[in-house]
Amino acid sequence: MVSTMSLLIPILVSAVVVFIASSIVHMVLPFHKGDMKQLPQEDAVLAALRKFNIPPGDYVLPHCSSMEAMKSPEFIEKKKQGPSGFVTILPPGMTGMGGSLAMWFLFSVLVSLFAGYVAGIALAPGANYLRVFQIVGTTAFMGYAFAQMQQSIWYKRNWGTTFRIMLDGFVYGLLTAGVFGWLWPR
């Protein structure tokens, strides 16, 4: 067994490596350019929504307050007429990337922390590089990728987008595994 405290260096280094790799994936490579589409007549839609002064939050449309209400003729008609969807409204104005980047880095630390914890329970100091790679890589992949499927299952996100994000998670899992294998206590 290896204590999580003795894995602080691989936890932090792998989070930094993932942070840099994700920056390259999202800012340099064209891999995710088609993930979000523009609404038809965007200016008209924005102007129409603006007058409602919708507070930031997550919304479903049409909204239904209970399972019983889903059976009502009014709700059924709204669903038939469409559109249906899930919408996240952000506060007006430019949103800086700093807070999101900091939270992404902390998330990467958290994934590495749990991957290290699982490997630390399963392995001893001096464990074989490939065994460390296998356990840390699997755990980190699960942390980065598996929850993404819920977005397609429940919120109907395009499966292509979900699979591309999961592929990112696979790469991040490999990078995390490589760092842990390299820096595993001897």
N, C-alpha and C. Protein backbone atom coordinates (compact mmCIF):
# COMPACT_ATOMS: atom_id res chain seq x y z
N MET A 1 0.83 -1.18 0.00
CA MET A 1 0.00 0.00 0.00
C MET A 1 0.88 1.25 0.00
N VAL A 2 0.41 2.26 -0.71
CA VAL A 2 1.14 3.53 -0.81
C VAL A 2 0.21 4.62 -0.30
N SER A 3 0.69 5.47 0.59
CA SER A 3 -0.16 6.54 1.13
C SER A 3 -0.42 7.60 0.06
N THR A 4 -1.59 8.17 0.12
CA THR A 4 -1.95 9.22 -0.84
C THR A 4 -1.02 10.42 -0.69
N MET A 5 -0.60 10.71 0.53
CA MET A 5 0.32 11.84 0.76
C MET A 5 1.63 11.66 0.00
N SER A 6 2.09 10.42 -0.12
CA SER A 6 3.34 10.19 -0.84
C SER A 6 3.15 10.31 -2.35
N LEU A 7 1.91 10.48 -2.79
CA LEU A 7 1.62 10.61 -4.22
C LEU A 7 1.30 12.05 -4.63
N LEU A 8 1.57 13.01 -3.76
CA LEU A 8 1.24 14.41 -4.07
C LEU A 8 1.95 14.91 -5.33
N ILE A 9 3.20 14.53 -5.52
CA ILE A 9 3.94 14.98 -6.71
C ILE A 9 3.29 14.42 -7.98
N PRO A 10 3.05 13.10 -8.11
CA PRO A 10 2.39 12.63 -9.32
C PRO A 10 0.97 13.18 -9.48
N ILE A 11 0.27 13.42 -8.38
CA ILE A 11 -1.08 13.99 -8.46
C ILE A 11 -1.01 15.38 -9.10
N LEU A 12 -0.14 16.22 -8.59
CA LEU A 12 -0.04 17.60 -9.10
C LEU A 12 0.57 17.65 -10.51
N VAL A 13 1.62 16.86 -10.75
CA VAL A 13 2.25 16.87 -12.08
C VAL A 13 1.26 16.36 -13.13
N SER A 14 0.53 15.31 -12.82
CA SER A 14 -0.42 14.79 -13.82
C SER A 14 -1.53 15.80 -14.08
N ALA A 15 -1.97 16.53 -13.05
CA ALA A 15 -2.99 17.57 -13.25
C ALA A 15 -2.46 18.68 -14.16
N VAL A 16 -1.22 19.06 -13.97
CA VAL A 16 -0.61 20.08 -14.83
C VAL A 16 -0.50 19.57 -16.27
N VAL A 17 -0.06 18.33 -16.44
CA VAL A 17 0.07 17.75 -17.79
C VAL A 17 -1.30 17.69 -18.48
N VAL A 18 -2.33 17.27 -17.75
CA VAL A 18 -3.68 17.21 -18.32
C VAL A 18 -4.17 18.61 -18.66
N PHE A 19 -3.91 19.58 -17.79
CA PHE A 19 -4.31 20.96 -18.03
C PHE A 19 -3.69 21.49 -19.33
N ILE A 20 -2.41 21.23 -19.52
CA ILE A 20 -1.72 21.68 -20.74
C ILE A 20 -2.28 20.94 -21.96
N ALA A 21 -2.45 19.63 -21.85
CA ALA A 21 -2.98 18.85 -22.97
C ALA A 21 -4.39 19.30 -23.35
N SER A 22 -5.22 19.55 -22.35
CA SER A 22 -6.60 19.99 -22.66
C SER A 22 -6.60 21.37 -23.30
N SER A 23 -5.66 22.22 -22.91
CA SER A 23 -5.56 23.54 -23.54
C SER A 23 -5.20 23.39 -25.02
N ILE A 24 -4.30 22.48 -25.31
CA ILE A 24 -3.92 22.23 -26.71
C ILE A 24 -5.10 21.66 -27.48
N VAL A 25 -5.79 20.68 -26.88
CA VAL A 25 -6.94 20.05 -27.55
C VAL A 25 -8.01 21.08 -27.89
N HIS A 26 -8.28 22.00 -26.96
CA HIS A 26 -9.39 22.93 -27.16
C HIS A 26 -9.01 24.23 -27.84
N MET A 27 -7.74 24.62 -27.80
CA MET A 27 -7.37 25.91 -28.40
C MET A 27 -6.60 25.78 -29.71
N VAL A 28 -5.95 24.65 -29.92
CA VAL A 28 -5.10 24.51 -31.11
C VAL A 28 -5.72 23.54 -32.13
N LEU A 29 -6.16 22.40 -31.66
CA LEU A 29 -6.69 21.37 -32.56
C LEU A 29 -8.15 21.67 -32.93
N PRO A 30 -8.57 21.30 -34.13
CA PRO A 30 -9.96 21.58 -34.56
C PRO A 30 -10.97 20.51 -34.11
N PHE A 31 -10.56 19.63 -33.23
CA PHE A 31 -11.34 18.45 -32.84
C PHE A 31 -12.74 18.78 -32.32
N HIS A 32 -12.89 19.87 -31.58
CA HIS A 32 -14.18 20.20 -30.96
C HIS A 32 -14.90 21.37 -31.62
N LYS A 33 -14.43 21.82 -32.77
CA LYS A 33 -15.03 23.00 -33.41
C LYS A 33 -16.52 22.84 -33.72
N GLY A 34 -16.96 21.65 -34.04
CA GLY A 34 -18.36 21.44 -34.41
C GLY A 34 -19.26 21.00 -33.27
N ASP A 35 -18.76 21.02 -32.03
CA ASP A 35 -19.56 20.54 -30.90
C ASP A 35 -20.79 21.41 -30.64
N MET A 36 -20.66 22.70 -30.79
CA MET A 36 -21.77 23.63 -30.56
C MET A 36 -22.16 24.28 -31.88
N LYS A 37 -23.45 24.31 -32.12
CA LYS A 37 -23.95 24.89 -33.37
C LYS A 37 -24.61 26.23 -33.10
N GLN A 38 -24.70 27.04 -34.15
CA GLN A 38 -25.38 28.33 -34.04
C GLN A 38 -26.87 28.13 -34.33
N LEU A 39 -27.70 28.78 -33.53
CA LEU A 39 -29.15 28.74 -33.78
C LEU A 39 -29.48 29.44 -35.08
N PRO A 40 -30.46 28.94 -35.83
CA PRO A 40 -30.93 29.69 -36.99
C PRO A 40 -31.50 31.02 -36.50
N GLN A 41 -31.26 32.07 -37.22
CA GLN A 41 -31.75 33.41 -36.87
C GLN A 41 -31.38 33.78 -35.43
N GLU A 42 -30.11 33.59 -35.11
CA GLU A 42 -29.64 33.81 -33.75
C GLU A 42 -30.00 35.19 -33.22
N ASP A 43 -29.81 36.23 -34.01
CA ASP A 43 -30.10 37.58 -33.53
C ASP A 43 -31.56 37.74 -33.13
N ALA A 44 -32.46 37.18 -33.92
CA ALA A 44 -33.89 37.27 -33.61
C ALA A 44 -34.23 36.47 -32.36
N VAL A 45 -33.62 35.30 -32.20
CA VAL A 45 -33.87 34.48 -31.02
C VAL A 45 -33.35 35.21 -29.77
N LEU A 46 -32.15 35.76 -29.85
CA LEU A 46 -31.59 36.48 -28.71
C LEU A 46 -32.44 37.69 -28.34
N ALA A 47 -32.88 38.43 -29.34
CA ALA A 47 -33.73 39.60 -29.09
C ALA A 47 -35.05 39.18 -28.43
N ALA A 48 -35.62 38.08 -28.90
CA ALA A 48 -36.88 37.60 -28.32
C ALA A 48 -36.69 37.17 -26.87
N LEU A 49 -35.61 36.46 -26.58
CA LEU A 49 -35.36 35.99 -25.22
C LEU A 49 -34.97 37.12 -24.27
N ARG A 50 -34.25 38.12 -24.79
CA ARG A 50 -33.75 39.22 -23.97
C ARG A 50 -34.87 39.93 -23.22
N LYS A 51 -36.01 40.10 -23.86
CA LYS A 51 -37.09 40.86 -23.22
C LYS A 51 -37.69 40.13 -22.01
N PHE A 52 -37.41 38.83 -21.84
CA PHE A 52 -37.93 38.09 -20.70
C PHE A 52 -37.03 38.19 -19.47
N ASN A 53 -35.80 38.71 -19.66
CA ASN A 53 -34.87 38.88 -18.54
C ASN A 53 -34.75 37.58 -17.73
N ILE A 54 -34.44 36.51 -18.42
CA ILE A 54 -34.37 35.18 -17.79
C ILE A 54 -33.16 35.11 -16.87
N PRO A 55 -33.37 34.74 -15.59
CA PRO A 55 -32.23 34.63 -14.68
C PRO A 55 -31.33 33.45 -15.07
N PRO A 56 -30.04 33.56 -14.77
CA PRO A 56 -29.14 32.44 -15.06
C PRO A 56 -29.63 31.16 -14.39
N GLY A 57 -29.50 30.05 -15.11
CA GLY A 57 -29.92 28.76 -14.58
C GLY A 57 -30.13 27.75 -15.67
N ASP A 58 -30.55 26.57 -15.28
CA ASP A 58 -30.83 25.47 -16.21
C ASP A 58 -32.34 25.36 -16.37
N TYR A 59 -32.78 25.22 -17.61
CA TYR A 59 -34.21 25.19 -17.91
C TYR A 59 -34.52 24.03 -18.85
N VAL A 60 -35.74 23.52 -18.75
CA VAL A 60 -36.25 22.53 -19.68
C VAL A 60 -37.48 23.13 -20.33
N LEU A 61 -37.63 22.88 -21.62
CA LEU A 61 -38.82 23.39 -22.28
C LEU A 61 -39.38 22.34 -23.22
N PRO A 62 -40.68 22.15 -23.17
CA PRO A 62 -41.59 22.74 -22.20
C PRO A 62 -41.36 22.14 -20.81
N HIS A 63 -41.67 22.93 -19.80
CA HIS A 63 -41.48 22.50 -18.41
C HIS A 63 -42.70 21.75 -17.91
N CYS A 64 -42.47 20.77 -17.09
CA CYS A 64 -43.56 20.00 -16.50
C CYS A 64 -43.23 19.81 -15.03
N SER A 65 -44.17 20.13 -14.15
CA SER A 65 -43.89 20.11 -12.72
C SER A 65 -44.08 18.74 -12.06
N SER A 66 -44.68 17.79 -12.76
CA SER A 66 -44.90 16.47 -12.15
C SER A 66 -45.13 15.43 -13.24
N MET A 67 -45.07 14.17 -12.83
CA MET A 67 -45.34 13.08 -13.77
C MET A 67 -46.79 13.13 -14.25
N GLU A 68 -47.67 13.52 -13.35
CA GLU A 68 -49.10 13.63 -13.72
C GLU A 68 -49.29 14.69 -14.79
N ALA A 69 -48.60 15.82 -14.63
CA ALA A 69 -48.76 16.91 -15.58
C ALA A 69 -48.24 16.52 -16.97
N MET A 70 -47.30 15.56 -17.02
CA MET A 70 -46.79 15.09 -18.32
C MET A 70 -47.88 14.42 -19.15
N LYS A 71 -48.91 13.95 -18.51
CA LYS A 71 -50.00 13.26 -19.19
C LYS A 71 -51.10 14.21 -19.64
N SER A 72 -51.00 15.47 -19.26
CA SER A 72 -52.06 16.42 -19.60
C SER A 72 -52.07 16.70 -21.10
N PRO A 73 -53.23 16.94 -21.68
CA PRO A 73 -53.32 17.25 -23.11
C PRO A 73 -52.52 18.50 -23.48
N GLU A 74 -52.47 19.48 -22.58
CA GLU A 74 -51.74 20.73 -22.86
C GLU A 74 -50.24 20.45 -23.01
N PHE A 75 -49.70 19.66 -22.09
CA PHE A 75 -48.27 19.35 -22.15
C PHE A 75 -47.96 18.51 -23.39
N ILE A 76 -48.78 17.53 -23.66
CA ILE A 76 -48.59 16.67 -24.83
C ILE A 76 -48.61 17.50 -26.11
N GLU A 77 -49.49 18.46 -26.18
CA GLU A 77 -49.58 19.33 -27.36
C GLU A 77 -48.33 20.21 -27.48
N LYS A 78 -47.86 20.75 -26.35
CA LYS A 78 -46.62 21.55 -26.38
C LYS A 78 -45.46 20.70 -26.91
N LYS A 79 -45.37 19.45 -26.45
CA LYS A 79 -44.28 18.57 -26.91
C LYS A 79 -44.40 18.29 -28.41
N LYS A 80 -45.64 18.08 -28.88
CA LYS A 80 -45.86 17.83 -30.30
C LYS A 80 -45.45 19.02 -31.15
N GLN A 81 -45.82 20.22 -30.69
CA GLN A 81 -45.52 21.43 -31.47
C GLN A 81 -44.04 21.78 -31.45
N GLY A 82 -43.37 21.48 -30.31
CA GLY A 82 -41.95 21.79 -30.20
C GLY A 82 -41.70 23.28 -30.15
N PRO A 83 -40.50 23.72 -30.05
CA PRO A 83 -39.33 22.88 -29.81
C PRO A 83 -39.27 22.41 -28.37
N SER A 84 -38.51 21.35 -28.16
CA SER A 84 -38.21 20.85 -26.82
C SER A 84 -36.72 20.99 -26.61
N GLY A 85 -36.32 21.18 -25.37
CA GLY A 85 -34.89 21.27 -25.15
C GLY A 85 -34.52 21.55 -23.73
N PHE A 86 -33.21 21.58 -23.54
CA PHE A 86 -32.60 21.94 -22.27
C PHE A 86 -31.73 23.15 -22.55
N VAL A 87 -31.85 24.17 -21.72
CA VAL A 87 -31.14 25.42 -21.97
C VAL A 87 -30.44 25.85 -20.69
N THR A 88 -29.20 26.25 -20.81
CA THR A 88 -28.49 26.88 -19.70
C THR A 88 -28.32 28.34 -20.05
N ILE A 89 -28.83 29.20 -19.20
CA ILE A 89 -28.72 30.65 -19.39
C ILE A 89 -27.59 31.15 -18.50
N LEU A 90 -26.66 31.88 -19.09
CA LEU A 90 -25.53 32.45 -18.36
C LEU A 90 -25.84 33.91 -18.05
N PRO A 91 -25.13 34.50 -17.10
CA PRO A 91 -25.32 35.92 -16.84
C PRO A 91 -24.91 36.74 -18.06
N PRO A 92 -25.53 37.91 -18.26
CA PRO A 92 -25.13 38.74 -19.40
C PRO A 92 -23.69 39.25 -19.23
N GLY A 93 -23.09 39.61 -20.33
CA GLY A 93 -21.74 40.14 -20.31
C GLY A 93 -20.71 39.06 -20.60
N MET A 94 -19.49 39.49 -20.76
CA MET A 94 -18.40 38.57 -21.05
C MET A 94 -18.05 37.80 -19.78
N THR A 95 -17.96 36.48 -19.92
CA THR A 95 -17.54 35.66 -18.80
C THR A 95 -16.08 35.30 -19.01
N GLY A 96 -15.26 35.63 -18.05
CA GLY A 96 -13.84 35.33 -18.14
C GLY A 96 -13.59 33.83 -18.03
N MET A 97 -12.47 33.41 -18.58
CA MET A 97 -12.10 32.00 -18.55
C MET A 97 -11.35 31.62 -17.28
N GLY A 98 -10.88 32.61 -16.54
CA GLY A 98 -10.04 32.34 -15.38
C GLY A 98 -10.67 31.41 -14.37
N GLY A 99 -11.90 31.69 -13.98
CA GLY A 99 -12.58 30.85 -13.00
C GLY A 99 -12.80 29.44 -13.50
N SER A 100 -13.21 29.32 -14.74
CA SER A 100 -13.44 27.99 -15.33
C SER A 100 -12.14 27.22 -15.45
N LEU A 101 -11.07 27.88 -15.84
CA LEU A 101 -9.78 27.21 -15.95
C LEU A 101 -9.29 26.75 -14.58
N ALA A 102 -9.48 27.57 -13.55
CA ALA A 102 -9.09 27.19 -12.19
C ALA A 102 -9.90 25.98 -11.73
N MET A 103 -11.20 25.99 -11.99
CA MET A 103 -12.03 24.85 -11.60
C MET A 103 -11.65 23.59 -12.38
N TRP A 104 -11.31 23.74 -13.66
CA TRP A 104 -10.87 22.59 -14.46
C TRP A 104 -9.59 22.00 -13.87
N PHE A 105 -8.65 22.88 -13.49
CA PHE A 105 -7.41 22.38 -12.89
C PHE A 105 -7.70 21.65 -11.58
N LEU A 106 -8.55 22.21 -10.75
CA LEU A 106 -8.91 21.55 -9.48
C LEU A 106 -9.62 20.22 -9.73
N PHE A 107 -10.46 20.17 -10.77
CA PHE A 107 -11.09 18.90 -11.14
C PHE A 107 -10.03 17.88 -11.55
N SER A 108 -9.03 18.31 -12.32
CA SER A 108 -7.94 17.41 -12.74
C SER A 108 -7.16 16.91 -11.53
N VAL A 109 -6.95 17.79 -10.55
CA VAL A 109 -6.29 17.37 -9.30
C VAL A 109 -7.14 16.32 -8.60
N LEU A 110 -8.45 16.54 -8.56
CA LEU A 110 -9.37 15.61 -7.90
C LEU A 110 -9.35 14.23 -8.57
N VAL A 111 -9.40 14.21 -9.91
CA VAL A 111 -9.35 12.94 -10.64
C VAL A 111 -8.03 12.23 -10.34
N SER A 112 -6.92 12.97 -10.37
CA SER A 112 -5.61 12.37 -10.08
C SER A 112 -5.53 11.90 -8.63
N LEU A 113 -6.13 12.65 -7.73
CA LEU A 113 -6.15 12.25 -6.32
C LEU A 113 -6.84 10.90 -6.14
N PHE A 114 -8.01 10.74 -6.76
CA PHE A 114 -8.74 9.48 -6.61
C PHE A 114 -8.05 8.35 -7.37
N ALA A 115 -7.47 8.65 -8.54
CA ALA A 115 -6.73 7.61 -9.26
C ALA A 115 -5.53 7.15 -8.44
N GLY A 116 -4.85 8.10 -7.81
CA GLY A 116 -3.73 7.76 -6.94
C GLY A 116 -4.17 6.98 -5.71
N TYR A 117 -5.30 7.37 -5.16
CA TYR A 117 -5.83 6.68 -3.98
C TYR A 117 -6.12 5.21 -4.31
N VAL A 118 -6.80 4.97 -5.43
CA VAL A 118 -7.13 3.60 -5.82
C VAL A 118 -5.85 2.81 -6.08
N ALA A 119 -4.92 3.40 -6.80
CA ALA A 119 -3.66 2.70 -7.08
C ALA A 119 -2.87 2.47 -5.80
N GLY A 120 -2.91 3.44 -4.89
CA GLY A 120 -2.19 3.31 -3.63
C GLY A 120 -2.70 2.17 -2.77
N ILE A 121 -4.00 1.89 -2.85
CA ILE A 121 -4.58 0.77 -2.12
C ILE A 121 -4.16 -0.56 -2.77
N ALA A 122 -4.10 -0.55 -4.10
CA ALA A 122 -3.87 -1.80 -4.84
C ALA A 122 -2.39 -2.16 -4.98
N LEU A 123 -1.52 -1.16 -4.92
CA LEU A 123 -0.11 -1.41 -5.26
C LEU A 123 0.83 -1.02 -4.13
N ALA A 124 2.01 -1.58 -4.17
CA ALA A 124 3.05 -1.28 -3.19
C ALA A 124 4.08 -0.35 -3.80
N PRO A 125 4.93 0.26 -2.97
CA PRO A 125 6.05 1.02 -3.53
C PRO A 125 6.89 0.12 -4.43
N GLY A 126 7.40 0.68 -5.49
CA GLY A 126 8.21 -0.09 -6.42
C GLY A 126 7.42 -0.95 -7.39
N ALA A 127 6.11 -0.73 -7.45
CA ALA A 127 5.28 -1.53 -8.37
C ALA A 127 5.71 -1.31 -9.82
N ASN A 128 5.45 -2.32 -10.61
CA ASN A 128 5.78 -2.31 -12.04
C ASN A 128 5.08 -1.14 -12.74
N TYR A 129 5.83 -0.45 -13.63
CA TYR A 129 5.29 0.71 -14.36
C TYR A 129 3.97 0.39 -15.05
N LEU A 130 3.91 -0.73 -15.76
CA LEU A 130 2.69 -1.06 -16.51
C LEU A 130 1.50 -1.33 -15.60
N ARG A 131 1.74 -1.90 -14.43
CA ARG A 131 0.64 -2.15 -13.48
C ARG A 131 0.11 -0.83 -12.93
N VAL A 132 1.02 0.09 -12.60
CA VAL A 132 0.61 1.43 -12.15
C VAL A 132 -0.16 2.11 -13.26
N PHE A 133 0.37 2.04 -14.47
CA PHE A 133 -0.26 2.65 -15.64
C PHE A 133 -1.68 2.11 -15.81
N GLN A 134 -1.84 0.80 -15.70
CA GLN A 134 -3.15 0.16 -15.90
C GLN A 134 -4.17 0.64 -14.88
N ILE A 135 -3.82 0.63 -13.62
CA ILE A 135 -4.79 0.98 -12.57
C ILE A 135 -5.08 2.48 -12.57
N VAL A 136 -4.05 3.30 -12.64
CA VAL A 136 -4.25 4.75 -12.65
C VAL A 136 -4.96 5.19 -13.93
N GLY A 137 -4.56 4.63 -15.06
CA GLY A 137 -5.17 5.00 -16.34
C GLY A 137 -6.65 4.67 -16.39
N THR A 138 -7.00 3.49 -15.91
CA THR A 138 -8.41 3.09 -15.90
C THR A 138 -9.23 4.00 -15.00
N THR A 139 -8.71 4.25 -13.81
CA THR A 139 -9.44 5.09 -12.86
C THR A 139 -9.56 6.52 -13.36
N ALA A 140 -8.48 7.07 -13.89
CA ALA A 140 -8.52 8.45 -14.39
C ALA A 140 -9.46 8.56 -15.60
N PHE A 141 -9.41 7.58 -16.50
CA PHE A 141 -10.33 7.58 -17.64
C PHE A 141 -11.78 7.62 -17.16
N MET A 142 -12.09 6.79 -16.19
CA MET A 142 -13.45 6.76 -15.66
C MET A 142 -13.83 8.13 -15.10
N GLY A 143 -12.90 8.76 -14.39
CA GLY A 143 -13.18 10.08 -13.81
C GLY A 143 -13.39 11.15 -14.85
N TYR A 144 -12.63 11.11 -15.93
CA TYR A 144 -12.75 12.13 -16.97
C TYR A 144 -13.88 11.85 -17.96
N ALA A 145 -14.23 10.59 -18.17
CA ALA A 145 -15.08 10.27 -19.31
C ALA A 145 -16.47 9.73 -19.01
N PHE A 146 -16.61 8.86 -18.05
CA PHE A 146 -17.87 8.14 -17.92
C PHE A 146 -19.07 9.03 -17.63
N ALA A 147 -18.91 10.05 -16.82
CA ALA A 147 -20.05 10.91 -16.49
C ALA A 147 -20.57 11.67 -17.71
N GLN A 148 -19.75 11.77 -18.75
CA GLN A 148 -20.19 12.49 -19.95
C GLN A 148 -21.38 11.81 -20.62
N MET A 149 -21.46 10.50 -20.50
CA MET A 149 -22.56 9.77 -21.15
C MET A 149 -23.93 10.20 -20.61
N GLN A 150 -23.98 10.61 -19.35
CA GLN A 150 -25.25 11.05 -18.79
C GLN A 150 -25.83 12.24 -19.56
N GLN A 151 -24.96 13.09 -20.08
CA GLN A 151 -25.44 14.24 -20.84
C GLN A 151 -26.21 13.82 -22.09
N SER A 152 -25.76 12.76 -22.73
CA SER A 152 -26.46 12.26 -23.92
C SER A 152 -27.67 11.42 -23.54
N ILE A 153 -27.57 10.67 -22.46
CA ILE A 153 -28.68 9.82 -22.05
C ILE A 153 -29.86 10.66 -21.57
N TRP A 154 -29.61 11.60 -20.68
CA TRP A 154 -30.70 12.34 -20.05
C TRP A 154 -31.00 13.68 -20.70
N TYR A 155 -29.98 14.36 -21.22
CA TYR A 155 -30.17 15.71 -21.75
C TYR A 155 -30.02 15.79 -23.26
N LYS A 156 -29.91 14.62 -23.89
CA LYS A 156 -29.92 14.50 -25.35
C LYS A 156 -28.79 15.25 -26.05
N ARG A 157 -27.67 15.42 -25.37
CA ARG A 157 -26.51 15.99 -26.05
C ARG A 157 -26.15 15.06 -27.20
N ASN A 158 -25.69 15.60 -28.27
CA ASN A 158 -25.27 14.83 -29.44
C ASN A 158 -24.24 13.79 -29.01
N TRP A 159 -24.48 12.52 -29.39
CA TRP A 159 -23.56 11.45 -29.00
C TRP A 159 -22.16 11.66 -29.59
N GLY A 160 -22.07 12.27 -30.75
CA GLY A 160 -20.75 12.54 -31.33
C GLY A 160 -19.93 13.46 -30.43
N THR A 161 -20.57 14.50 -29.90
CA THR A 161 -19.90 15.40 -28.97
C THR A 161 -19.47 14.65 -27.72
N THR A 162 -20.37 13.83 -27.18
CA THR A 162 -20.05 13.06 -25.98
C THR A 162 -18.86 12.13 -26.23
N PHE A 163 -18.85 11.43 -27.36
CA PHE A 163 -17.74 10.52 -27.64
C PHE A 163 -16.43 11.28 -27.84
N ARG A 164 -16.48 12.47 -28.43
CA ARG A 164 -15.25 13.26 -28.58
C ARG A 164 -14.72 13.68 -27.20
N ILE A 165 -15.62 14.07 -26.30
CA ILE A 165 -15.20 14.45 -24.95
C ILE A 165 -14.66 13.22 -24.21
N MET A 166 -15.28 12.07 -24.44
CA MET A 166 -14.78 10.84 -23.82
C MET A 166 -13.41 10.46 -24.37
N LEU A 167 -13.19 10.73 -25.65
CA LEU A 167 -11.86 10.48 -26.23
C LEU A 167 -10.83 11.39 -25.57
N ASP A 168 -11.21 12.64 -25.32
CA ASP A 168 -10.33 13.53 -24.55
C ASP A 168 -10.00 12.88 -23.21
N GLY A 169 -11.04 12.35 -22.55
CA GLY A 169 -10.86 11.69 -21.25
C GLY A 169 -9.92 10.50 -21.33
N PHE A 170 -9.97 9.78 -22.45
CA PHE A 170 -9.06 8.66 -22.66
C PHE A 170 -7.62 9.16 -22.73
N VAL A 171 -7.41 10.24 -23.48
CA VAL A 171 -6.06 10.83 -23.58
C VAL A 171 -5.60 11.32 -22.21
N TYR A 172 -6.49 12.01 -21.48
CA TYR A 172 -6.12 12.51 -20.16
C TYR A 172 -5.81 11.35 -19.20
N GLY A 173 -6.56 10.26 -19.34
CA GLY A 173 -6.29 9.08 -18.52
C GLY A 173 -4.92 8.49 -18.83
N LEU A 174 -4.57 8.42 -20.12
CA LEU A 174 -3.25 7.91 -20.51
C LEU A 174 -2.13 8.80 -19.97
N LEU A 175 -2.32 10.11 -20.08
CA LEU A 175 -1.30 11.04 -19.58
C LEU A 175 -1.14 10.92 -18.07
N THR A 176 -2.27 10.84 -17.38
CA THR A 176 -2.22 10.68 -15.92
C THR A 176 -1.51 9.38 -15.56
N ALA A 177 -1.84 8.31 -16.26
CA ALA A 177 -1.20 7.01 -16.01
C ALA A 177 0.30 7.08 -16.25
N GLY A 178 0.70 7.73 -17.32
CA GLY A 178 2.13 7.85 -17.63
C GLY A 178 2.89 8.60 -16.55
N VAL A 179 2.31 9.68 -16.06
CA VAL A 179 2.97 10.46 -15.00
C VAL A 179 3.09 9.63 -13.72
N PHE A 180 2.01 8.95 -13.35
CA PHE A 180 2.06 8.13 -12.13
C PHE A 180 3.06 6.99 -12.29
N GLY A 181 3.09 6.33 -13.45
CA GLY A 181 4.05 5.26 -13.66
C GLY A 181 5.47 5.75 -13.54
N TRP A 182 5.72 6.93 -14.06
CA TRP A 182 7.06 7.55 -14.03
C TRP A 182 7.45 7.95 -12.61
N LEU A 183 6.50 8.53 -11.85
CA LEU A 183 6.82 9.08 -10.53
C LEU A 183 6.37 8.20 -9.36
N TRP A 184 5.99 6.95 -9.65
CA TRP A 184 5.52 6.05 -8.58
C TRP A 184 6.65 5.84 -7.58
N PRO A 185 6.34 5.91 -6.28
CA PRO A 185 7.39 5.71 -5.26
C PRO A 185 8.11 4.36 -5.42
N ARG A 186 9.40 4.41 -5.29
CA ARG A 186 10.22 3.20 -5.46
C ARG A 186 10.49 2.51 -4.15
